[in-house]
C-alpha atoms as a PDB file:
ATOM      1  CA  VAL A   1      -1.631  29.678-176.984  1.00  0.00           C
ATOM      2  CA  ARG A   2      -1.206  27.129-174.323  1.00  0.00           C
ATOM      3  CA  LYS A   3      -4.871  26.637-173.224  1.00  0.00           C
ATOM      4  CA  LYS A   4      -5.429  26.264-177.239  1.00  0.00           C
ATOM      5  CA  LEU A   5      -2.675  23.689-177.222  1.00  0.00           C
ATOM      6  CA  ARG A   6      -4.101  22.348-174.137  1.00  0.00           C
ATOM      7  CA  LEU A   7      -7.535  21.837-175.800  1.00  0.00           C
ATOM      8  CA  ILE A   8      -6.032  20.085-178.642  1.00  0.00           C
ATOM      9  CA  ASP A   9      -4.258  17.938-177.150  1.00  0.00           C
ATOM     10  CA  ASP A  10      -7.202  17.007-175.088  1.00  0.00           C
ATOM     11  CA  ARG A  11      -9.349  16.531-178.491  1.00  0.00           C
ATOM     12  CA  GLN A  12      -6.588  14.217-179.736  1.00  0.00           C
ATOM     13  CA  ALA A  13      -6.285  12.073-176.500  1.00  0.00           C
ATOM     14  CA  LEU A  14     -10.140  11.764-176.241  1.00  0.00           C
ATOM     15  CA  LEU A  15     -10.235  10.695-180.313  1.00  0.00           C
ATOM     16  CA  GLY A  16      -7.589   8.157-179.340  1.00  0.00           C
ATOM     17  CA  LEU A  17      -9.792   6.863-176.492  1.00  0.00           C
ATOM     18  CA  ILE A  18     -12.861   6.691-178.740  1.00  0.00           C
ATOM     19  CA  LYS A  19     -11.332   4.922-181.406  1.00  0.00           C
ATOM     20  CA  ASN A  20      -9.802   2.070-178.930  1.00  0.00           C
ATOM     21  CA  VAL A  21     -13.216   1.974-177.398  1.00  0.00           C
ATOM     22  CA  GLU A  22     -14.974   1.740-180.820  1.00  0.00           C
ATOM     23  CA  ALA A  23     -12.232  -0.956-182.120  1.00  0.00           C
ATOM     24  CA  SER A  24     -12.615  -3.300-178.995  1.00  0.00           C
ATOM     25  CA  SER A  25     -16.710  -2.724-179.459  1.00  0.00           C
ATOM     26  CA  GLN A  26     -16.538  -4.861-182.810  1.00  0.00           C
ATOM     27  CA  SER A  27     -15.838  -7.822-181.171  1.00  0.00           C
ATOM     28  CA  PRO A  28     -18.618 -10.138-181.041  1.00  0.00           C
ATOM     29  CA  LEU A  29     -17.215 -11.938-177.941  1.00  0.00           C
ATOM     30  CA  ARG A  30     -17.574  -8.787-175.778  1.00  0.00           C
ATOM     31  CA  LEU A  31     -21.378 -10.211-175.455  1.00  0.00           C
ATOM     32  CA  PHE A  32     -20.086 -13.287-173.592  1.00  0.00           C
ATOM     33  CA  GLY A  33     -18.587 -11.613-170.818  1.00  0.00           C
ATOM     34  CA  ASN A  34     -19.891  -9.356-168.192  1.00  0.00           C
ATOM     35  CA  SER A  35     -22.803  -7.107-169.085  1.00  0.00           C
ATOM     36  CA  LYS A  36     -21.527  -4.341-166.940  1.00  0.00           C
ATOM     37  CA  LYS A  37     -18.514  -3.781-169.405  1.00  0.00           C
ATOM     38  CA  LEU A  38     -21.043  -3.107-172.171  1.00  0.00           C
ATOM     39  CA  VAL A  39     -23.045  -0.548-169.666  1.00  0.00           C
ATOM     40  CA  LYS A  40     -19.495   1.183-169.238  1.00  0.00           C
ATOM     41  CA  GLU A  41     -18.906   1.571-172.966  1.00  0.00           C
ATOM     42  CA  ALA A  42     -22.299   2.811-173.561  1.00  0.00           C
ATOM     43  CA  VAL A  43     -21.684   5.184-170.703  1.00  0.00           C
ATOM     44  CA  PHE A  44     -18.020   6.234-172.150  1.00  0.00           C
ATOM     45  CA  ARG A  45     -19.517   6.789-175.509  1.00  0.00           C
ATOM     46  CA  LYS A  46     -22.027   9.424-174.306  1.00  0.00           C
ATOM     47  CA  THR A  47     -19.764  11.359-172.136  1.00  0.00           C
ATOM     48  CA  ALA A  48     -16.604  10.971-174.313  1.00  0.00           C
ATOM     49  CA  TYR A  49     -18.640  12.376-177.216  1.00  0.00           C
ATOM     50  CA  ALA A  50     -20.681  14.895-175.402  1.00  0.00           C
ATOM     51  CA  ARG A  51     -16.896  16.275-174.092  1.00  0.00           C
ATOM     52  CA  LEU A  52     -15.441  15.970-177.477  1.00  0.00           C
ATOM     53  CA  PHE A  53     -18.522  18.254-178.854  1.00  0.00           C
ATOM     54  CA  VAL A  54     -17.808  20.816-176.196  1.00  0.00           C
ATOM     55  CA  ILE A  55     -14.177  20.843-177.002  1.00  0.00           C
ATOM     56  CA  GLU A  56     -14.936  21.406-180.731  1.00  0.00           C
ATOM     57  CA  LYS A  57     -17.292  24.139-179.633  1.00  0.00           C
ATOM     58  CA  VAL A  58     -15.064  26.047-178.119  1.00  0.00           C
ATOM     59  CA  LEU A  59     -11.955  25.344-180.864  1.00  0.00           C
ATOM     60  CA  LEU A  60     -13.921  26.193-183.735  1.00  0.00           C
ATOM     61  CA  PRO A  61     -14.253  30.033-183.090  1.00  0.00           C
ATOM     62  CA  THR A  62     -11.043  29.986-181.135  1.00  0.00           C
ATOM     63  CA  LEU A  63      -9.192  28.635-184.412  1.00  0.00           C
ATOM     64  CA  ARG A  64     -11.025  31.398-186.541  1.00  0.00           C
ATOM     65  CA  ASP A  65     -10.398  34.086-184.492  1.00  0.00           C
ATOM     66  CA  TRP A  66      -6.532  33.284-184.545  1.00  0.00           C
ATOM     67  CA  ALA A  67      -6.455  33.202-188.096  1.00  0.00           C
ATOM     68  CA  LYS A  68      -8.079  36.676-188.518  1.00  0.00           C
ATOM     69  CA  THR A  69      -6.009  38.078-185.813  1.00  0.00           C
ATOM     70  CA  HIS A  70      -2.649  36.519-186.957  1.00  0.00           C
ATOM     71  CA  GLY A  71      -3.434  36.360-190.736  1.00  0.00           C
ATOM     72  CA  LYS A  72      -2.452  32.738-190.808  1.00  0.00           C
ATOM     73  CA  ARG A  73      -3.781  29.304-189.993  1.00  0.00           C
ATOM     74  CA  PHE A  74      -3.002  27.421-186.300  1.00  0.00           C
ATOM     75  CA  MET A  75      -0.706  24.656-186.993  1.00  0.00           C
ATOM     76  CA  TYR A  76      -0.518  21.656-184.970  1.00  0.00           C
ATOM     77  CA  LYS A  77       2.155  19.372-185.705  1.00  0.00           C
ATOM     78  CA  GLY A  78       2.659  20.676-189.050  1.00  0.00           C
ATOM     79  CA  VAL A  79      -0.824  20.552-189.760  1.00  0.00           C
ATOM     80  CA  ASP A  80      -3.659  23.126-190.390  1.00  0.00           C
ATOM     81  CA  TYR A  81      -5.750  22.121-187.270  1.00  0.00           C
ATOM     82  CA  LEU A  82      -8.823  23.937-187.819  1.00  0.00           C
ATOM     83  CA  GLU A  83      -9.067  22.300-191.692  1.00  0.00           C
ATOM     84  CA  ALA A  84      -8.170  18.983-190.267  1.00  0.00           C
ATOM     85  CA  MET A  85     -10.495  19.850-187.656  1.00  0.00           C
ATOM     86  CA  GLU A  86     -13.367  20.622-189.818  1.00  0.00           C
ATOM     87  CA  GLU A  87     -12.608  17.601-192.251  1.00  0.00           C
ATOM     88  CA  ASP A  88     -13.010  15.050-189.309  1.00  0.00           C
ATOM     89  CA  ILE A  89     -15.878  16.500-188.099  1.00  0.00           C
ATOM     90  CA  ARG A  90     -17.810  16.547-191.933  1.00  0.00           C
ATOM     91  CA  THR A  91     -16.688  12.933-192.217  1.00  0.00           C
ATOM     92  CA  ARG A  92     -17.525  11.539-188.734  1.00  0.00           C
ATOM     93  CA  SER A  93     -20.450   9.080-187.768  1.00  0.00           C
ATOM     94  CA  ILE A  94     -22.476  10.592-185.223  1.00  0.00           C
ATOM     95  CA  PRO A  95     -23.738   8.374-182.409  1.00  0.00           C
ATOM     96  CA  PRO A  96     -27.381   8.325-182.867  1.00  0.00           C
ATOM     97  CA  GLU A  97     -28.305   9.397-179.365  1.00  0.00           C
ATOM     98  CA  PHE A  98     -26.776  12.778-180.551  1.00  0.00           C
ATOM     99  CA  MET A  99     -29.249  13.094-183.611  1.00  0.00           C
ATOM    100  CA  ASP A 100     -32.854  13.595-184.173  1.00  0.00           C
ATOM    101  CA  ALA A 101     -35.081  14.250-187.124  1.00  0.00           C
ATOM    102  CA  ASP A 102     -34.945  18.336-186.934  1.00  0.00           C
ATOM    103  CA  THR A 103     -30.970  17.934-186.390  1.00  0.00           C
ATOM    104  CA  ASN A 104     -28.840  19.908-189.771  1.00  0.00           C
ATOM    105  CA  THR A 105     -26.037  17.911-191.287  1.00  0.00           C
ATOM    106  CA  ASP A 106     -23.953  21.146-190.669  1.00  0.00           C
ATOM    107  CA  PHE A 107     -21.468  19.943-188.402  1.00  0.00           C
ATOM    108  CA  GLU A 108     -21.457  23.375-186.469  1.00  0.00           C
ATOM    109  CA  ASP A 109     -25.452  22.789-186.038  1.00  0.00           C
ATOM    110  CA  VAL A 110     -24.539  19.298-185.013  1.00  0.00           C
ATOM    111  CA  ILE A 111     -22.104  20.173-182.316  1.00  0.00           C
ATOM    112  CA  GLU A 112     -24.775  22.716-181.028  1.00  0.00           C
ATOM    113  CA  HIS A 113     -27.451  19.921-180.691  1.00  0.00           C
ATOM    114  CA  ALA A 114     -24.981  17.516-179.244  1.00  0.00           C
ATOM    115  CA  CYS A 115     -23.724  19.969-176.169  1.00  0.00           C
ATOM    116  CA  ALA A 116     -27.507  20.602-175.669  1.00  0.00           C
ATOM    117  CA  SER A 117     -28.346  16.912-175.869  1.00  0.00           C
ATOM    118  CA  ALA A 118     -25.906  15.540-173.191  1.00  0.00           C
ATOM    119  CA  PRO A 119     -25.378  17.038-169.890  1.00  0.00           C
ATOM    120  CA  VAL A 120     -21.631  17.788-169.693  1.00  0.00           C
ATOM    121  CA  PRO A 121     -19.602  19.835-167.043  1.00  0.00           C
ATOM    122  CA  GLU A 122     -18.457  22.976-168.654  1.00  0.00           C
ATOM    123  CA  LEU A 123     -14.595  23.075-169.249  1.00  0.00           C
ATOM    124  CA  ASP A 124     -12.353  24.542-166.568  1.00  0.00           C
ATOM    125  CA  ASP A 125      -9.082  25.113-165.916  1.00  0.00           C
ATOM    126  CA  LYS A 126      -8.650  21.362-164.975  1.00  0.00           C
ATOM    127  CA  TRP A 127      -9.408  20.585-168.326  1.00  0.00           C
END
């Protein structure tokens, strides 16, 4: 249970960071500043989404197995986390660098493709 909670907490934190970066990137004033910030933004997007996809690739089957084993859904802060995560994945805008013409719109295929597209270290006990 602790590892599941840790992955969920990591996913939630990462989603928060992505949301903040995306919100700040909407400002046209950022184009007048240091271009290094734009490069950092692009690198962050690529690595953050790649890590998010790796976490989700681990969490999806883990949460499904939990439901089969325990006969009930995994609840996180009073919410069916698997259902919430699947809905989030289905409605998410996928950054273009993770998509290609051959990619299916099925979210598990998108996650699989994204994990293969970006070099990301495997999740370990440090994560």
